[in-house]
C-alpha atoms as a PDB file:
ATOM      1  CA  MET A   1       0.108  -0.055  -0.056  1.00  0.00           C
ATOM      2  CA  SER A   2       1.308   3.631  -0.806  1.00  0.00           C
ATOM      3  CA  ASN A   3       2.022   6.000   1.873  1.00  0.00           C
ATOM      4  CA  PRO A   4      -0.746   8.057   2.709  1.00  0.00           C
ATOM      5  CA  ILE A   5      -1.798  11.493   0.849  1.00  0.00           C
ATOM      6  CA  LYS A   6      -0.699  13.891   3.916  1.00  0.00           C
ATOM      7  CA  PHE A   7      -2.957  17.081   3.616  1.00  0.00           C
ATOM      8  CA  ARG A   8      -4.518  20.216   5.830  1.00  0.00           C
ATOM      9  CA  TYR A   9      -8.005  21.668   5.776  1.00  0.00           C
ATOM     10  CA  ILE A  10     -10.063  23.662   7.940  1.00  0.00           C
ATOM     11  CA  GLU A  11     -12.754  22.141   9.853  1.00  0.00           C
ATOM     12  CA  LEU A  12     -16.275  22.624   8.313  1.00  0.00           C
ATOM     13  CA  GLY A  13     -18.278  19.900  10.021  1.00  0.00           C
ATOM     14  CA  HIS A  14     -20.274  17.950   7.667  1.00  0.00           C
ATOM     15  CA  LEU A  15     -19.730  20.217   4.850  1.00  0.00           C
ATOM     16  CA  SER A  16     -17.031  19.329   2.198  1.00  0.00           C
ATOM     17  CA  SER A  17     -15.514  22.458   0.053  1.00  0.00           C
ATOM     18  CA  ARG A  18     -12.646  22.739  -1.803  1.00  0.00           C
ATOM     19  CA  GLY A  19     -10.743  20.073   0.672  1.00  0.00           C
ATOM     20  CA  GLY A  20     -13.786  18.064   0.826  1.00  0.00           C
ATOM     21  CA  ALA A  21     -14.005  17.474  -3.096  1.00  0.00           C
ATOM     22  CA  LEU A  22      -9.878  16.466  -2.460  1.00  0.00           C
ATOM     23  CA  ARG A  23     -11.340  13.897   0.407  1.00  0.00           C
ATOM     24  CA  PHE A  24     -14.056  12.645  -1.644  1.00  0.00           C
ATOM     25  CA  PHE A  25     -11.805  11.865  -4.809  1.00  0.00           C
ATOM     26  CA  LEU A  26      -9.405  10.116  -2.175  1.00  0.00           C
ATOM     27  CA  LEU A  27     -12.147   8.390  -0.803  1.00  0.00           C
ATOM     28  CA  ALA A  28     -13.868   7.003  -3.616  1.00  0.00           C
ATOM     29  CA  ASN A  29     -10.450   5.748  -5.351  1.00  0.00           C
ATOM     30  CA  ASP A  30      -9.528   3.675  -1.928  1.00  0.00           C
ATOM     31  CA  ILE A  31      -6.443   6.413  -1.600  1.00  0.00           C
ATOM     32  CA  PRO A  32      -5.391   6.432   2.161  1.00  0.00           C
ATOM     33  CA  TYR A  33      -4.915   9.655   3.865  1.00  0.00           C
ATOM     34  CA  GLU A  34      -4.473  11.787   6.753  1.00  0.00           C
ATOM     35  CA  GLU A  35      -5.705  14.886   7.443  1.00  0.00           C
ATOM     36  CA  THR A  36      -4.947  17.595   9.928  1.00  0.00           C
ATOM     37  CA  ILE A  37      -7.603  19.720  10.391  1.00  0.00           C
ATOM     38  CA  VAL A  38      -7.152  23.509  11.914  1.00  0.00           C
ATOM     39  CA  SER A  39     -10.321  25.628  13.121  1.00  0.00           C
ATOM     40  CA  PHE A  40     -11.884  28.020  11.022  1.00  0.00           C
ATOM     41  CA  ALA A  41     -12.892  30.356  13.628  1.00  0.00           C
ATOM     42  CA  PRO A  42     -11.775  33.721  12.692  1.00  0.00           C
ATOM     43  CA  GLU A  43      -9.065  34.556  15.135  1.00  0.00           C
ATOM     44  CA  ALA A  44      -7.727  31.122  14.702  1.00  0.00           C
ATOM     45  CA  TRP A  45      -7.790  31.214  10.702  1.00  0.00           C
ATOM     46  CA  ALA A  46      -6.174  34.271  10.437  1.00  0.00           C
ATOM     47  CA  VAL A  47      -3.152  33.027  12.391  1.00  0.00           C
ATOM     48  CA  GLU A  48      -3.123  29.912  10.535  1.00  0.00           C
ATOM     49  CA  LYS A  49      -3.166  31.934   7.225  1.00  0.00           C
ATOM     50  CA  LYS A  50      -0.422  34.097   8.249  1.00  0.00           C
ATOM     51  CA  ARG A  51       1.532  30.897   9.204  1.00  0.00           C
ATOM     52  CA  LEU A  52       1.185  29.296   5.915  1.00  0.00           C
ATOM     53  CA  ILE A  53       2.200  32.576   4.033  1.00  0.00           C
ATOM     54  CA  GLU A  54       5.062  33.269   6.268  1.00  0.00           C
ATOM     55  CA  SER A  55       6.284  29.810   6.328  1.00  0.00           C
ATOM     56  CA  GLY A  56       6.371  29.381   2.724  1.00  0.00           C
ATOM     57  CA  GLU A  57       4.096  26.363   2.855  1.00  0.00           C
ATOM     58  CA  ASN A  58       1.495  28.273   1.070  1.00  0.00           C
ATOM     59  CA  PRO A  59       2.284  31.756  -0.281  1.00  0.00           C
ATOM     60  CA  CYS A  60      -1.358  32.069  -1.150  1.00  0.00           C
ATOM     61  CA  GLY A  61      -2.487  31.721   2.532  1.00  0.00           C
ATOM     62  CA  SER A  62      -5.359  29.149   1.244  1.00  0.00           C
ATOM     63  CA  VAL A  63      -6.128  24.968   2.190  1.00  0.00           C
ATOM     64  CA  PRO A  64      -5.878  22.050   1.301  1.00  0.00           C
ATOM     65  CA  VAL A  65      -2.082  22.116   1.412  1.00  0.00           C
ATOM     66  CA  VAL A  66      -0.624  18.658   0.518  1.00  0.00           C
ATOM     67  CA  TYR A  67       2.758  17.460   2.496  1.00  0.00           C
ATOM     68  CA  LEU A  68       5.241  15.440   0.180  1.00  0.00           C
ATOM     69  CA  GLU A  69       8.630  14.235   0.888  1.00  0.00           C
ATOM     70  CA  ASN A  70      11.659  16.620   0.646  1.00  0.00           C
ATOM     71  CA  ASN A  71       9.613  19.600   2.109  1.00  0.00           C
ATOM     72  CA  VAL A  72       7.504  19.962  -1.127  1.00  0.00           C
ATOM     73  CA  GLN A  73       3.946  21.169  -0.123  1.00  0.00           C
ATOM     74  CA  LEU A  74       1.106  21.291  -3.029  1.00  0.00           C
ATOM     75  CA  SER A  75      -2.103  23.589  -3.094  1.00  0.00           C
ATOM     76  CA  GLN A  76      -4.999  23.977  -5.168  1.00  0.00           C
ATOM     77  CA  HIS A  77      -7.827  21.489  -4.714  1.00  0.00           C
ATOM     78  CA  MET A  78      -7.811  20.411  -8.256  1.00  0.00           C
ATOM     79  CA  ALA A  79      -4.099  20.535  -8.926  1.00  0.00           C
ATOM     80  CA  ILE A  80      -3.466  18.406  -6.126  1.00  0.00           C
ATOM     81  CA  CYS A  81      -5.888  15.782  -7.523  1.00  0.00           C
ATOM     82  CA  ARG A  82      -4.607  15.656 -10.890  1.00  0.00           C
ATOM     83  CA  TYR A  83      -1.611  14.949  -9.175  1.00  0.00           C
ATOM     84  CA  VAL A  84      -2.631  12.015  -7.096  1.00  0.00           C
ATOM     85  CA  ALA A  85      -4.333  10.715 -10.216  1.00  0.00           C
ATOM     86  CA  ARG A  86      -1.123  10.375 -12.096  1.00  0.00           C
ATOM     87  CA  THR A  87       0.916   9.549  -9.558  1.00  0.00           C
ATOM     88  CA  HIS A  88      -1.459   6.677  -8.194  1.00  0.00           C
ATOM     89  CA  GLN A  89      -2.794   5.657 -11.746  1.00  0.00           C
ATOM     90  CA  VAL A  90      -6.509   6.577 -11.201  1.00  0.00           C
ATOM     91  CA  ASP A  91      -6.690   8.548 -14.413  1.00  0.00           C
ATOM     92  CA  SER A  92      -8.929   7.310 -17.079  1.00  0.00           C
ATOM     93  CA  GLY A  93      -5.595   6.257 -19.274  1.00  0.00           C
ATOM     94  CA  ASP A  94      -6.966   8.623 -22.087  1.00  0.00           C
ATOM     95  CA  ALA A  95      -6.071  12.044 -22.623  1.00  0.00           C
ATOM     96  CA  LEU A  96      -9.433  13.224 -24.176  1.00  0.00           C
ATOM     97  CA  LYS A  97     -11.581  11.291 -21.143  1.00  0.00           C
ATOM     98  CA  ASP A  98      -9.343  13.337 -18.594  1.00  0.00           C
ATOM     99  CA  CYS A  99      -9.657  16.358 -20.348  1.00  0.00           C
ATOM    100  CA  PHE A 100     -13.375  16.142 -20.214  1.00  0.00           C
ATOM    101  CA  GLN A 101     -12.627  15.981 -16.110  1.00  0.00           C
ATOM    102  CA  ASP A 102     -10.671  19.090 -16.431  1.00  0.00           C
ATOM    103  CA  ILE A 103     -13.377  20.655 -18.339  1.00  0.00           C
ATOM    104  CA  VAL A 104     -16.061  20.241 -15.561  1.00  0.00           C
ATOM    105  CA  ALA A 105     -13.271  20.462 -12.760  1.00  0.00           C
ATOM    106  CA  ASP A 106     -12.308  24.290 -13.741  1.00  0.00           C
ATOM    107  CA  GLU A 107     -15.744  24.958 -14.896  1.00  0.00           C
ATOM    108  CA  GLN A 108     -17.364  24.303 -11.422  1.00  0.00           C
ATOM    109  CA  GLN A 109     -15.070  26.654  -9.555  1.00  0.00           C
ATOM    110  CA  GLY A 110     -16.792  29.694 -10.386  1.00  0.00           C
ATOM    111  CA  PHE A 111     -19.762  27.735  -9.284  1.00  0.00           C
ATOM    112  CA  ARG A 112     -18.214  27.186  -5.868  1.00  0.00           C
ATOM    113  CA  ASP A 113     -17.052  30.789  -5.458  1.00  0.00           C
ATOM    114  CA  LEU A 114     -20.476  31.841  -5.957  1.00  0.00           C
ATOM    115  CA  TRP A 115     -21.819  29.217  -3.683  1.00  0.00           C
ATOM    116  CA  VAL A 116     -19.500  30.658  -0.788  1.00  0.00           C
ATOM    117  CA  GLN A 117     -20.206  34.420  -1.457  1.00  0.00           C
ATOM    118  CA  LYS A 118     -24.233  33.635  -1.459  1.00  0.00           C
ATOM    119  CA  PHE A 119     -24.070  31.381   1.599  1.00  0.00           C
ATOM    120  CA  LEU A 120     -21.878  33.717   3.558  1.00  0.00           C
ATOM    121  CA  GLY A 121     -24.134  36.574   2.251  1.00  0.00           C
ATOM    122  CA  THR A 122     -27.369  38.141   3.345  1.00  0.00           C
ATOM    123  CA  GLU A 123     -30.851  36.178   3.412  1.00  0.00           C
ATOM    124  CA  GLU A 124     -32.029  38.358   0.322  1.00  0.00           C
ATOM    125  CA  GLU A 125     -28.814  37.189  -1.450  1.00  0.00           C
ATOM    126  CA  ARG A 126     -29.365  33.621  -1.039  1.00  0.00           C
ATOM    127  CA  ALA A 127     -32.973  33.708  -2.174  1.00  0.00           C
ATOM    128  CA  GLU A 128     -32.073  35.530  -5.251  1.00  0.00           C
ATOM    129  CA  TYR A 129     -29.280  32.960  -5.519  1.00  0.00           C
ATOM    130  CA  ARG A 130     -31.976  30.294  -5.247  1.00  0.00           C
ATOM    131  CA  LYS A 131     -34.308  31.524  -7.573  1.00  0.00           C
ATOM    132  CA  HIS A 132     -31.738  32.899 -10.683  1.00  0.00           C
ATOM    133  CA  ALA A 133     -28.199  32.002 -10.482  1.00  0.00           C
ATOM    134  CA  LEU A 134     -28.536  28.448  -8.991  1.00  0.00           C
ATOM    135  CA  PRO A 135     -30.862  26.936 -11.632  1.00  0.00           C
ATOM    136  CA  GLU A 136     -28.963  28.459 -14.574  1.00  0.00           C
ATOM    137  CA  HIS A 137     -25.792  26.625 -12.849  1.00  0.00           C
ATOM    138  CA  LEU A 138     -27.439  23.831 -12.532  1.00  0.00           C
ATOM    139  CA  LYS A 139     -28.569  23.646 -16.332  1.00  0.00           C
ATOM    140  CA  LYS A 140     -25.475  24.346 -17.258  1.00  0.00           C
ATOM    141  CA  PHE A 141     -23.608  21.564 -15.728  1.00  0.00           C
ATOM    142  CA  GLU A 142     -26.428  19.387 -17.054  1.00  0.00           C
ATOM    143  CA  ALA A 143     -25.552  19.892 -20.414  1.00  0.00           C
ATOM    144  CA  LEU A 144     -21.745  19.385 -19.672  1.00  0.00           C
ATOM    145  CA  TYR A 145     -22.743  16.021 -18.805  1.00  0.00           C
ATOM    146  CA  GLN A 146     -24.790  15.026 -21.252  1.00  0.00           C
ATOM    147  CA  LYS A 147     -22.108  16.389 -23.443  1.00  0.00           C
ATOM    148  CA  TYR A 148     -19.190  14.613 -22.188  1.00  0.00           C
ATOM    149  CA  LYS A 149     -19.741  11.823 -20.047  1.00  0.00           C
ATOM    150  CA  THR A 150     -18.607   8.433 -21.329  1.00  0.00           C
ATOM    151  CA  ALA A 151     -19.108   6.265 -18.147  1.00  0.00           C
ATOM    152  CA  ASP A 152     -22.870   7.329 -17.026  1.00  0.00           C
ATOM    153  CA  PRO A 153     -22.979   8.662 -14.638  1.00  0.00           C
ATOM    154  CA  TYR A 154     -19.313   9.759 -14.486  1.00  0.00           C
ATOM    155  CA  LEU A 155     -17.571  11.767 -17.253  1.00  0.00           C
ATOM    156  CA  SER A 156     -14.775   8.934 -17.029  1.00  0.00           C
ATOM    157  CA  THR A 157     -13.432   6.699 -14.383  1.00  0.00           C
ATOM    158  CA  SER A 158     -10.270   5.045 -13.556  1.00  0.00           C
ATOM    159  CA  PRO A 159      -9.011   1.559 -14.736  1.00  0.00           C
ATOM    160  CA  ALA A 160     -11.044   0.286 -11.204  1.00  0.00           C
ATOM    161  CA  GLY A 161     -13.919   2.024 -12.408  1.00  0.00           C
ATOM    162  CA  ASN A 162     -14.142   4.769  -9.648  1.00  0.00           C
ATOM    163  CA  PRO A 163     -14.693   8.214 -10.573  1.00  0.00           C
ATOM    164  CA  LEU A 164     -12.152  10.787 -11.155  1.00  0.00           C
ATOM    165  CA  TRP A 165     -11.476  14.465 -10.126  1.00  0.00           C
ATOM    166  CA  GLY A 166     -14.179  16.264 -11.951  1.00  0.00           C
ATOM    167  CA  ASP A 167     -17.048  14.410 -11.127  1.00  0.00           C
ATOM    168  CA  SER A 168     -15.491  14.598  -7.188  1.00  0.00           C
ATOM    169  CA  ALA A 169     -15.834  18.378  -7.556  1.00  0.00           C
ATOM    170  CA  MET A 170     -18.775  18.207  -8.903  1.00  0.00           C
ATOM    171  CA  PHE A 171     -20.399  15.788  -6.370  1.00  0.00           C
ATOM    172  CA  ALA A 172     -18.953  17.860  -3.422  1.00  0.00           C
ATOM    173  CA  LEU A 173     -20.469  20.935  -4.777  1.00  0.00           C
ATOM    174  CA  LEU A 174     -23.875  19.362  -5.147  1.00  0.00           C
ATOM    175  CA  TYR A 175     -23.667  17.686  -1.964  1.00  0.00           C
ATOM    176  CA  ASP A 176     -22.721  21.159  -0.362  1.00  0.00           C
ATOM    177  CA  HIS A 177     -25.568  22.608  -1.818  1.00  0.00           C
ATOM    178  CA  MET A 178     -27.936  19.840  -0.509  1.00  0.00           C
ATOM    179  CA  GLU A 179     -26.372  20.381   3.058  1.00  0.00           C
ATOM    180  CA  THR A 180     -27.211  24.362   3.276  1.00  0.00           C
ATOM    181  CA  GLY A 181     -30.721  23.336   1.916  1.00  0.00           C
ATOM    182  CA  TYR A 182     -30.715  24.836  -1.628  1.00  0.00           C
ATOM    183  CA  PHE A 183     -32.217  21.710  -3.047  1.00  0.00           C
ATOM    184  CA  THR A 184     -33.136  17.883  -1.962  1.00  0.00           C
ATOM    185  CA  GLU A 185     -32.076  14.861  -3.610  1.00  0.00           C
ATOM    186  CA  ASP A 186     -36.055  14.700  -5.489  1.00  0.00           C
ATOM    187  CA  GLY A 187     -35.478  18.516  -6.339  1.00  0.00           C
ATOM    188  CA  LEU A 188     -32.163  17.539  -8.279  1.00  0.00           C
ATOM    189  CA  LYS A 189     -34.274  15.116 -10.681  1.00  0.00           C
ATOM    190  CA  GLU A 190     -35.247  17.727 -12.935  1.00  0.00           C
ATOM    191  CA  TYR A 191     -31.227  17.412 -13.855  1.00  0.00           C
ATOM    192  CA  PRO A 192     -31.390  13.797 -14.674  1.00  0.00           C
ATOM    193  CA  SER A 193     -27.312  13.512 -15.380  1.00  0.00           C
ATOM    194  CA  LEU A 194     -26.479  15.341 -12.098  1.00  0.00           C
ATOM    195  CA  SER A 195     -29.360  13.357 -10.263  1.00  0.00           C
ATOM    196  CA  ALA A 196     -27.352  10.049 -11.328  1.00  0.00           C
ATOM    197  CA  LEU A 197     -23.919  11.544 -10.425  1.00  0.00           C
ATOM    198  CA  TYR A 198     -24.961  12.314  -7.004  1.00  0.00           C
ATOM    199  CA  LYS A 199     -26.849   9.169  -6.652  1.00  0.00           C
ATOM    200  CA  ALA A 200     -23.893   6.858  -7.500  1.00  0.00           C
ATOM    201  CA  TYR A 201     -21.391   8.774  -5.829  1.00  0.00           C
ATOM    202  CA  VAL A 202     -23.170   8.830  -2.461  1.00  0.00           C
ATOM    203  CA  ALA A 203     -23.777   5.390  -2.479  1.00  0.00           C
ATOM    204  CA  ILE A 204     -20.031   4.585  -2.485  1.00  0.00           C
ATOM    205  CA  PRO A 205     -19.298   3.090   0.645  1.00  0.00           C
ATOM    206  CA  ALA A 206     -16.374   4.872   1.985  1.00  0.00           C
ATOM    207  CA  VAL A 207     -18.016   8.629   0.902  1.00  0.00           C
ATOM    208  CA  ALA A 208     -21.275   7.057   2.458  1.00  0.00           C
ATOM    209  CA  GLY A 209     -19.258   6.271   5.536  1.00  0.00           C
ATOM    210  CA  TRP A 210     -17.697   9.536   5.996  1.00  0.00           C
ATOM    211  CA  ILE A 211     -20.900  11.512   5.469  1.00  0.00           C
ATOM    212  CA  GLU A 212     -22.292   9.260   8.012  1.00  0.00           C
ATOM    213  CA  GLU A 213     -20.044  10.014  10.323  1.00  0.00           C
ATOM    214  CA  LYS A 214     -20.162  13.939   9.877  1.00  0.00           C
ATOM    215  CA  LYS A 215     -23.610  14.041  10.370  1.00  0.00           C
ATOM    216  CA  SER A 216     -23.811  11.793  13.626  1.00  0.00           C
ATOM    217  CA  SER A 217     -21.646  14.005  14.923  1.00  0.00           C
ATOM    218  CA  LYS A 218     -22.998  17.467  14.388  1.00  0.00           C
END
C-alpha cells in the first residue's frame, strides 16, 4: 500500500468545500490519507493563514495543502487531485477523457465561489441566488454532463471504474448545496445527469461512511 496522502484543511463539520472535493476523490479511489484539521474560527484562521504565508507552505495562504517528501507542499485542490491521479494511476488512461474531467473541474470553481459568496451573504442574496443563478448553473452543468460523460453517470473513470477529479468536484458542490438547504435529492431530478452522478457517488461505501460519521456528530 502507498504512503497516505497528508493534507491540511479547515474544520467545516459536515460540509465538504474544496478540501472535501479532494477528500471525496481519495475516498472514492481507496487512496489512504491523513488529514490535519485546523479551526476556521476567525481569529484562529487569521493566525493559520499568516503562518502558511510566512512559512512559505502556501504563499497564497489557502488550504488544502498537501505535504510531500523533501519539504514539498502542494496547494489548489484540483491541481492536487490531478497530481494524485497521475502518481496513483487513477486517471482514465485517455487524454481526451481526462480533458473532460478538467473541463468540469475548472468550470465548477466559479460556481463554488458563487455558492460560498451567497452562503455567507444576506438572506435576500441567498433567495436571489436560489431563484436565478442556481438553476442557471445546474442547467449548464447538466448540459456539460450530457455532452461529455463517457461512463454514465461519470464523465470517465479510473481503470477500476471509480470516479475521477471532475466528478468528485461536481459531487462535492452538489453535496454542499444539499447540505445548506438549496435543494433536496428529489429537487435534483430535474437535472437527470447530475441526479444520477449524485446518487452513484453518495452510494460509494467510503463516501457514505464519511458522510454518516459527520452527520452523526453534528
